[in-house]
């Protein structure tokens, strides 16, 4: 395991969670429809 790669992965994961949370807030505010979080997480 490369520690640098792990750090990057964790950082990307945190960013993805934050982005998902923001999108969730926006989507609830705008349309009330659920967001497809899987599409976000796999990028």
C-alpha atoms as a PDB file:
ATOM      1  CA  UNK A   1       0.000   0.000   0.000  1.00  0.00           C
ATOM      2  CA  UNK A   2       1.192   3.455  -0.917  1.00  0.00           C
ATOM      3  CA  UNK A   3       0.399   5.885   1.906  1.00  0.00           C
ATOM      4  CA  UNK A   4       0.192   8.766  -0.560  1.00  0.00           C
ATOM      5  CA  UNK A   5      -2.406   6.918  -2.630  1.00  0.00           C
ATOM      6  CA  UNK A   6      -4.434   6.149   0.500  1.00  0.00           C
ATOM      7  CA  UNK A   7      -4.407   9.814   1.521  1.00  0.00           C
ATOM      8  CA  UNK A   8      -5.550  10.878  -1.925  1.00  0.00           C
ATOM      9  CA  UNK A   9      -8.339   8.296  -1.860  1.00  0.00           C
ATOM     10  CA  UNK A  10      -9.523   9.432   1.576  1.00  0.00           C
ATOM     11  CA  UNK A  11      -9.403  13.071   0.500  1.00  0.00           C
ATOM     12  CA  UNK A  12     -11.386  12.260  -2.644  1.00  0.00           C
ATOM     13  CA  UNK A  13     -13.895  10.357  -0.517  1.00  0.00           C
ATOM     14  CA  UNK A  14     -14.373  13.326   1.801  1.00  0.00           C
ATOM     15  CA  UNK A  15     -14.804  15.647  -1.163  1.00  0.00           C
ATOM     16  CA  UNK A  16     -17.346  13.251  -2.679  1.00  0.00           C
ATOM     17  CA  UNK A  17     -19.310  13.126   0.577  1.00  0.00           C
ATOM     18  CA  UNK A  18     -19.324  16.911   0.838  1.00  0.00           C
ATOM     19  CA  UNK A  19     -20.405  17.241  -2.781  1.00  0.00           C
ATOM     20  CA  UNK A  20     -23.140  14.656  -2.240  1.00  0.00           C
ATOM     21  CA  UNK A  21     -24.367  16.519   0.836  1.00  0.00           C
ATOM     22  CA  UNK A  22     -24.431  19.813  -1.058  1.00  0.00           C
ATOM     23  CA  UNK A  23     -26.244  18.213  -3.996  1.00  0.00           C
ATOM     24  CA  UNK A  24     -28.678  16.628  -1.578  1.00  0.00           C
ATOM     25  CA  UNK A  25     -29.493  20.007  -0.031  1.00  0.00           C
ATOM     26  CA  UNK A  26     -29.857  21.628  -3.443  1.00  0.00           C
ATOM     27  CA  UNK A  27     -32.010  18.836  -4.861  1.00  0.00           C
ATOM     28  CA  UNK A  28     -34.324  18.845  -1.830  1.00  0.00           C
ATOM     29  CA  UNK A  29     -34.633  22.617  -2.026  1.00  0.00           C
ATOM     30  CA  UNK A  30     -35.237  22.689  -5.774  1.00  0.00           C
ATOM     31  CA  UNK A  31     -37.219  19.576  -6.635  1.00  0.00           C
ATOM     32  CA  UNK A  32     -37.545  17.294  -3.623  1.00  0.00           C
ATOM     33  CA  UNK A  33     -36.361  14.390  -5.762  1.00  0.00           C
ATOM     34  CA  UNK A  34     -33.776  11.927  -4.424  1.00  0.00           C
ATOM     35  CA  UNK A  35     -30.296  12.182  -5.903  1.00  0.00           C
ATOM     36  CA  UNK A  36     -28.499   9.183  -7.394  1.00  0.00           C
ATOM     37  CA  UNK A  37     -25.540   9.137  -5.002  1.00  0.00           C
ATOM     38  CA  UNK A  38     -23.992   6.095  -6.693  1.00  0.00           C
ATOM     39  CA  UNK A  39     -23.293   8.166  -9.800  1.00  0.00           C
ATOM     40  CA  UNK A  40     -21.362  10.645  -7.647  1.00  0.00           C
ATOM     41  CA  UNK A  41     -19.427   8.100  -5.600  1.00  0.00           C
ATOM     42  CA  UNK A  42     -18.016   6.180  -8.556  1.00  0.00           C
ATOM     43  CA  UNK A  43     -16.288   9.192 -10.136  1.00  0.00           C
END
